[in-house]
Amino acid sequence: MMKKRTGVLLINLGSPDNPSPRAVYRYLTEFLNDPRVIDINAIGRWILVNLIIVPFRFRNSSRLYQQLWTDKGSPLIEYGKQLKDAVQKGFGDEVHFHLAMRYGNPSLPEVISEMEKKHYHNVIILPLFPQYASASSGSAIDRAMELMRKWYVIPETKIISQFYDHPGYINTIAKIGKSYEPEKYDHILFSYHGLPVRQIDKVYEDKNCGNHDCESEINDENVYCYKATCFATSRMIAAAMGISEKQYTVCFQSRLDSKWMEPFSDVVVKELALKGSKRLLVFSPAFIADCLETTVEIGHEYLEIFKENGGEHLQLVEGLNVHPDWVKCMQDIVRQELPS
């Protein structure tokens, strides 16, 4: 009997090819021109991105990437490759994993072209974003399907849109967090990448996230609301670690302007320091691998803000990266979607 072969496509956000100003300029231009990332009219987006944001930000962004870069290159890319190889070891020849980046390299067009030549019976698309957002998971899925539509033969395809509530994901973060002895810290932050408020409002028919109890519960209406799943993720991690609601704050980082999700992480860090907190433990559950937003923004910039305002120690909890329990979680997620 012929065995069915499955191709699994792992997709992460991406990274510049190197930290040079030219490479960062190219990366930011591709990233920010995505209509799901900056969801305004095409002409306005082109002007905003190509004449204002990128020209004024690419040099500073290049300096930040230089702080992040290692001998092996971008940590996000390197951890992605290691994760793909580690997860692959749990399967035989019937399942083969591929890694692509939504922006930059290895590119989605190149990887999906390779997958087409494999003639898989089934394809699983798995964006590496635990909480669904149109600007991350939605964009990755949209682009992957756009490219696969060009295949003459389109195999049975399954999409995993989010996995924020998978026990393996939650328990691995909690396990890593416990190693830092959270009881020794004055407060704990769960810092997620922010989004413009208008983007989370678009999830709902009434265009108002504020009407749907997103901070306190998951229901049929908000199960794909990024804000709701971020708060739900935090509640589950806190429960797994034995942390009370008063001991932690959910906040959002990397904002471009004041119309983004609140509370802002950098503001929370400053306020806690001014109120007397000396030691902060910071999780970044939206990022499965360490990257610019974790290592530099939280680990360096927020530490500086904290110390400038009276704090003493801000500890970043590293990403899942290639933790053995995270590898097993990824394998479990994929196995649940394989044909019987």
Protein backbone atom coordinates (compact mmCIF):
# COMPACT_ATOMS: atom_id res chain seq x y z
CA MET A 1 0.00 0.00 0.00
CA MET A 2 1.29 3.46 -0.91
CA LYS A 3 2.11 5.57 2.15
CA LYS A 4 0.80 9.12 2.19
CA ARG A 5 3.53 11.73 2.41
CA THR A 6 3.01 15.03 4.25
CA GLY A 7 4.91 18.27 3.89
CA VAL A 8 4.86 20.58 6.91
CA LEU A 9 5.53 24.26 6.26
CA LEU A 10 6.81 26.19 9.30
CA ILE A 11 6.62 29.96 8.81
CA ASN A 12 8.13 32.69 10.96
CA LEU A 13 8.28 36.44 10.44
CA GLY A 14 11.81 36.77 9.11
CA SER A 15 14.99 38.76 9.43
CA PRO A 16 17.35 40.85 7.30
CA ASP A 17 20.02 38.84 5.52
CA ASN A 18 22.62 40.73 7.55
CA PRO A 19 22.61 43.78 9.85
CA SER A 20 23.92 46.24 7.25
CA PRO A 21 21.83 49.36 6.54
CA ARG A 22 21.18 48.19 2.97
CA ALA A 23 19.90 44.75 4.03
CA VAL A 24 17.75 46.22 6.81
CA TYR A 25 16.31 48.81 4.40
CA ARG A 26 15.34 46.02 1.99
CA TYR A 27 13.81 43.92 4.77
CA LEU A 28 11.78 46.76 6.31
CA THR A 29 10.51 47.79 2.88
CA GLU A 30 9.18 44.30 2.18
CA PHE A 31 7.78 43.86 5.69
CA LEU A 32 6.01 47.20 6.10
CA ASN A 33 4.51 47.29 2.59
CA ASP A 34 2.43 44.21 3.48
CA PRO A 35 -1.21 45.39 3.48
CA ARG A 36 -1.97 43.16 6.47
CA VAL A 37 0.80 44.83 8.49
CA ILE A 38 -0.10 48.44 7.69
CA ASP A 39 -3.75 48.12 6.82
CA ILE A 40 -4.52 51.50 5.28
CA ASN A 41 -5.22 52.42 1.64
CA ALA A 42 -2.48 51.46 -0.81
CA ILE A 43 -1.39 54.99 -1.70
CA GLY A 44 -1.26 56.10 1.92
CA ARG A 45 0.70 52.97 2.89
CA TRP A 46 3.22 53.49 0.08
CA ILE A 47 3.85 57.09 1.10
CA LEU A 48 4.02 56.26 4.82
CA VAL A 49 6.37 53.30 4.41
CA ASN A 50 8.63 54.34 1.56
CA LEU A 51 8.90 58.07 2.21
CA ILE A 52 8.63 58.30 5.99
CA ILE A 53 9.05 55.15 8.12
CA VAL A 54 11.78 53.22 6.30
CA PRO A 55 14.01 56.21 5.33
CA PHE A 56 13.95 57.51 8.90
CA ARG A 57 14.22 54.16 10.72
CA PHE A 58 16.49 51.84 8.75
CA ARG A 59 19.81 53.17 10.08
CA ASN A 60 18.75 52.94 13.72
CA SER A 61 17.22 49.50 13.07
CA SER A 62 20.54 48.43 11.53
CA ARG A 63 22.36 49.43 14.73
CA LEU A 64 19.88 47.39 16.77
CA TYR A 65 20.33 44.32 14.55
CA GLN A 66 24.09 44.66 14.97
CA GLN A 67 23.56 44.24 18.74
CA LEU A 68 21.49 41.12 18.08
CA TRP A 69 23.66 39.43 15.44
CA THR A 70 25.82 36.45 16.33
CA ASP A 71 28.58 34.53 14.56
CA LYS A 72 25.84 32.29 13.14
CA GLY A 73 23.74 35.23 11.97
CA SER A 74 20.17 36.05 12.99
CA PRO A 75 19.09 34.13 16.13
CA LEU A 76 15.54 33.91 14.76
CA ILE A 77 16.75 32.16 11.61
CA GLU A 78 19.25 29.96 13.42
CA TYR A 79 16.73 28.81 16.04
CA GLY A 80 14.22 28.19 13.26
CA LYS A 81 16.63 25.87 11.45
CA GLN A 82 17.50 24.04 14.65
CA LEU A 83 13.82 23.64 15.53
CA LYS A 84 12.98 22.27 12.08
CA ASP A 85 15.78 19.71 12.30
CA ALA A 86 14.90 18.71 15.87
CA VAL A 87 11.19 18.27 15.11
CA GLN A 88 12.02 16.27 11.97
CA LYS A 89 13.81 13.64 14.07
CA GLY A 90 10.48 12.56 15.54
CA PHE A 91 9.11 11.45 12.17
CA GLY A 92 9.92 9.01 9.41
CA ASP A 93 10.12 9.55 5.67
CA GLU A 94 6.37 10.13 5.39
CA VAL A 95 6.60 13.59 7.01
CA HIS A 96 9.06 16.25 5.91
CA PHE A 97 9.46 19.72 7.44
CA HIS A 98 10.27 22.94 5.60
CA LEU A 99 11.11 26.35 7.10
CA ALA A 100 10.28 29.65 5.42
CA MET A 101 10.16 33.30 6.44
CA ARG A 102 7.29 35.59 5.56
CA TYR A 103 9.83 38.31 4.77
CA GLY A 104 13.45 37.74 3.81
CA ASN A 105 15.12 34.35 3.45
CA PRO A 106 14.53 31.45 3.23
CA SER A 107 11.67 32.97 1.29
CA LEU A 108 8.16 31.58 1.00
CA PRO A 109 8.21 31.53 -2.84
CA GLU A 110 11.46 29.55 -2.86
CA VAL A 111 10.41 27.05 -0.18
CA ILE A 112 6.89 26.51 -1.56
CA SER A 113 8.38 25.93 -5.01
CA GLU A 114 10.58 23.21 -3.47
CA MET A 115 7.52 21.67 -1.79
CA GLU A 116 5.61 21.53 -5.06
CA LYS A 117 8.34 19.36 -6.55
CA LYS A 118 7.96 16.86 -3.69
CA HIS A 119 4.41 15.94 -4.78
CA TYR A 120 3.09 15.63 -1.22
CA HIS A 121 -0.27 13.99 -0.63
CA ASN A 122 -0.94 16.43 2.23
CA VAL A 123 0.39 19.80 3.32
CA ILE A 124 0.21 21.33 6.81
CA ILE A 125 0.80 25.07 7.12
CA LEU A 126 1.97 26.05 10.60
CA PRO A 127 2.83 29.71 11.25
CA LEU A 128 5.04 29.96 14.34
CA PHE A 129 2.85 32.56 16.03
CA PRO A 130 1.02 31.17 19.08
CA GLN A 131 -1.69 33.86 19.06
CA TYR A 132 -3.45 34.61 15.76
CA ALA A 133 -3.15 38.11 14.33
CA SER A 134 -3.93 39.22 10.81
CA ALA A 135 -0.53 40.96 10.59
CA SER A 136 1.42 37.80 11.47
CA SER A 137 -0.40 34.46 11.13
CA GLY A 138 -2.94 35.89 8.71
CA SER A 139 -0.28 37.36 6.44
CA ALA A 140 1.79 34.15 6.44
CA ILE A 141 -1.23 31.97 5.63
CA ASP A 142 -2.50 34.39 2.99
CA ARG A 143 0.84 34.48 1.18
CA ALA A 144 1.36 30.72 1.40
CA MET A 145 -2.08 30.05 -0.09
CA GLU A 146 -1.53 32.66 -2.78
CA LEU A 147 1.59 30.79 -3.88
CA MET A 148 0.02 27.33 -3.58
CA ARG A 149 -2.94 28.40 -5.71
CA LYS A 150 -0.53 28.42 -8.65
CA TRP A 151 0.17 24.69 -8.27
CA TYR A 152 -1.52 22.59 -10.93
CA VAL A 153 -2.26 19.94 -8.31
CA ILE A 154 -3.21 21.30 -4.89
CA PRO A 155 -3.10 18.54 -2.26
CA GLU A 156 -5.25 18.29 0.84
CA THR A 157 -4.12 21.23 2.98
CA LYS A 158 -4.58 21.91 6.68
CA ILE A 159 -3.86 25.22 8.40
CA ILE A 160 -3.00 25.64 12.07
CA SER A 161 -3.94 29.25 12.75
CA GLN A 162 -2.91 29.40 16.41
CA PHE A 163 -1.81 27.22 19.31
CA TYR A 164 -1.80 29.59 22.29
CA ASP A 165 -3.73 27.09 24.44
CA HIS A 166 -1.72 23.95 23.65
CA PRO A 167 -0.62 22.41 26.98
CA GLY A 168 2.89 21.75 25.68
CA TYR A 169 3.39 25.41 24.77
CA ILE A 170 2.02 26.67 28.09
CA ASN A 171 3.86 24.14 30.25
CA THR A 172 7.21 24.68 28.54
CA ILE A 173 7.05 28.44 29.14
CA ALA A 174 6.04 27.80 32.75
CA LYS A 175 8.90 25.31 33.20
CA ILE A 176 11.46 27.79 31.89
CA GLY A 177 9.93 30.55 34.03
CA LYS A 178 10.07 28.48 37.21
CA SER A 179 13.83 28.05 36.77
CA TYR A 180 14.17 31.78 37.52
CA GLU A 181 12.44 31.38 40.91
CA PRO A 182 9.66 33.93 40.26
CA GLU A 183 8.96 34.30 43.98
CA LYS A 184 12.20 36.31 44.21
CA TYR A 185 10.83 39.06 41.94
CA ASP A 186 8.67 42.02 42.89
CA HIS A 187 6.49 41.72 39.80
CA ILE A 188 6.12 39.69 36.59
CA LEU A 189 5.35 41.00 33.10
CA PHE A 190 3.91 39.16 30.14
CA SER A 191 4.94 41.41 27.27
CA TYR A 192 3.43 40.76 23.82
CA HIS A 193 4.08 42.47 20.52
CA GLY A 194 1.51 45.23 20.17
CA LEU A 195 -0.91 45.96 17.33
CA PRO A 196 -2.89 49.03 16.27
CA VAL A 197 -6.23 49.02 18.11
CA ARG A 198 -8.05 49.23 14.76
CA GLN A 199 -6.68 45.80 13.81
CA ILE A 200 -8.10 43.99 16.83
CA ASP A 201 -11.38 45.93 16.45
CA LYS A 202 -11.75 44.47 12.93
CA VAL A 203 -12.27 40.98 14.39
CA TYR A 204 -15.76 41.95 15.52
CA GLU A 205 -18.98 42.83 13.73
CA ASP A 206 -19.40 45.90 15.94
CA LYS A 207 -15.76 46.91 15.31
CA ASN A 208 -15.10 47.33 19.02
CA CYS A 209 -12.88 44.89 20.90
CA GLY A 210 -13.74 46.70 24.12
CA ASN A 211 -17.25 45.20 24.08
CA HIS A 212 -16.16 41.55 24.25
CA ASP A 213 -14.57 40.81 27.66
CA CYS A 214 -11.20 40.12 26.02
CA GLU A 215 -9.22 40.69 29.20
CA SER A 216 -11.15 38.13 31.23
CA GLU A 217 -12.43 35.29 29.03
CA ILE A 218 -12.31 33.41 25.75
CA ASN A 219 -15.64 32.99 23.99
CA ASP A 220 -16.99 32.19 20.54
CA GLU A 221 -16.65 35.79 19.37
CA ASN A 222 -13.13 36.55 20.58
CA VAL A 223 -11.33 33.23 20.08
CA TYR A 224 -9.37 34.79 17.19
CA CYS A 225 -8.90 38.17 18.86
CA TYR A 226 -5.20 38.74 19.50
CA LYS A 227 -5.86 40.68 22.68
CA ALA A 228 -8.13 37.96 24.09
CA THR A 229 -5.66 35.16 23.35
CA CYS A 230 -2.75 37.13 24.83
CA PHE A 231 -4.64 37.56 28.10
CA ALA A 232 -5.73 33.91 28.01
CA THR A 233 -2.14 32.79 27.42
CA SER A 234 -1.00 34.81 30.43
CA ARG A 235 -3.72 33.36 32.67
CA MET A 236 -2.73 29.81 31.70
CA ILE A 237 1.00 30.37 32.22
CA ALA A 238 0.32 32.06 35.56
CA ALA A 239 -1.86 29.13 36.65
CA ALA A 240 0.81 26.63 35.62
CA MET A 241 3.38 28.57 37.66
CA GLY A 242 1.15 29.20 40.67
CA ILE A 243 1.22 32.98 40.15
CA SER A 244 -1.72 35.05 41.40
CA GLU A 245 -3.41 37.72 39.29
CA LYS A 246 -1.94 40.47 41.46
CA GLN A 247 1.60 39.30 40.78
CA TYR A 248 1.63 39.95 37.03
CA THR A 249 0.71 42.48 34.35
CA VAL A 250 -0.10 41.88 30.68
CA CYS A 251 1.37 44.58 28.44
CA PHE A 252 2.26 45.29 24.81
CA GLN A 253 5.54 46.41 23.27
CA SER A 254 6.99 47.74 20.00
CA ARG A 255 4.33 50.36 19.37
CA LEU A 256 4.59 52.88 16.54
CA ASP A 257 2.15 55.43 17.97
CA SER A 258 -0.33 56.06 20.80
CA LYS A 259 -3.20 54.28 19.01
CA TRP A 260 -1.76 50.84 19.71
CA MET A 261 -2.81 48.28 22.33
CA GLU A 262 -2.31 49.29 25.95
CA PRO A 263 -0.80 49.17 28.48
CA PHE A 264 2.54 49.89 26.83
CA SER A 265 5.33 47.67 28.15
CA ASP A 266 7.96 50.42 28.42
CA VAL A 267 5.52 52.62 30.37
CA VAL A 268 4.67 49.76 32.73
CA VAL A 269 8.37 49.08 33.35
CA LYS A 270 8.96 52.75 34.22
CA GLU A 271 5.88 52.98 36.46
CA LEU A 272 6.81 49.84 38.41
CA ALA A 273 10.32 51.18 39.00
CA LEU A 274 8.95 54.53 40.21
CA LYS A 275 6.59 52.70 42.59
CA GLY A 276 9.51 50.88 44.18
CA SER A 277 9.87 47.57 42.34
CA LYS A 278 13.51 46.50 42.27
CA ARG A 279 13.31 43.17 40.43
CA LEU A 280 11.18 42.35 37.39
CA LEU A 281 10.78 39.03 35.56
CA VAL A 282 9.64 39.49 31.95
CA PHE A 283 8.14 36.84 29.66
CA SER A 284 7.56 37.35 25.92
CA PRO A 285 5.11 34.53 25.02
CA ALA A 286 4.26 35.82 21.53
CA PHE A 287 7.81 35.09 20.36
CA ILE A 288 8.75 31.42 20.15
CA ALA A 289 12.42 32.30 19.54
CA ASP A 290 14.67 35.04 20.82
CA CYS A 291 14.86 37.96 18.43
CA LEU A 292 15.23 41.75 18.25
CA GLU A 293 12.07 42.36 20.28
CA THR A 294 13.16 40.09 23.12
CA THR A 295 16.94 40.24 23.34
CA VAL A 296 17.38 43.93 22.51
CA GLU A 297 14.07 45.66 23.23
CA ILE A 298 13.30 43.88 26.51
CA GLY A 299 16.74 42.65 27.55
CA HIS A 300 18.62 45.89 26.86
CA GLU A 301 16.25 48.84 26.37
CA TYR A 302 13.73 47.99 29.09
CA LEU A 303 16.53 47.13 31.50
CA GLU A 304 17.93 50.61 30.92
CA ILE A 305 14.53 52.23 31.49
CA PHE A 306 14.05 50.21 34.66
CA LYS A 307 17.42 51.16 36.12
CA GLU A 308 17.05 54.83 35.16
CA ASN A 309 13.90 55.00 37.27
CA GLY A 310 15.15 53.22 40.39
CA GLY A 311 14.93 49.53 39.49
CA GLU A 312 17.84 47.17 39.96
CA HIS A 313 17.36 43.98 37.95
CA LEU A 314 15.12 43.12 34.99
CA GLN A 315 15.36 39.50 33.92
CA LEU A 316 14.19 38.42 30.45
CA VAL A 317 12.91 34.85 30.30
CA GLU A 318 14.39 33.39 27.13
CA GLY A 319 12.21 32.16 24.30
CA LEU A 320 11.27 28.55 23.69
CA ASN A 321 13.99 28.35 21.05
CA VAL A 322 14.89 24.63 20.84
CA HIS A 323 13.88 23.53 24.34
CA PRO A 324 13.24 19.74 24.26
CA ASP A 325 9.71 20.16 25.64
CA TRP A 326 8.95 22.73 22.94
CA VAL A 327 10.23 20.35 20.26
CA LYS A 328 7.91 17.67 21.61
CA CYS A 329 5.02 20.16 21.65
CA MET A 330 5.60 20.96 17.98
CA GLN A 331 5.67 17.27 17.15
CA ASP A 332 2.39 16.76 19.02
CA ILE A 333 0.73 19.67 17.21
CA VAL A 334 1.68 18.21 13.83
CA ARG A 335 0.75 14.63 14.73
CA GLN A 336 -2.78 15.76 15.60
CA GLU A 337 -3.21 16.94 12.00
CA LEU A 338 -1.65 14.01 10.15
CA PRO A 339 -3.93 11.73 8.14
CA SER A 340 -4.78 8.59 10.09
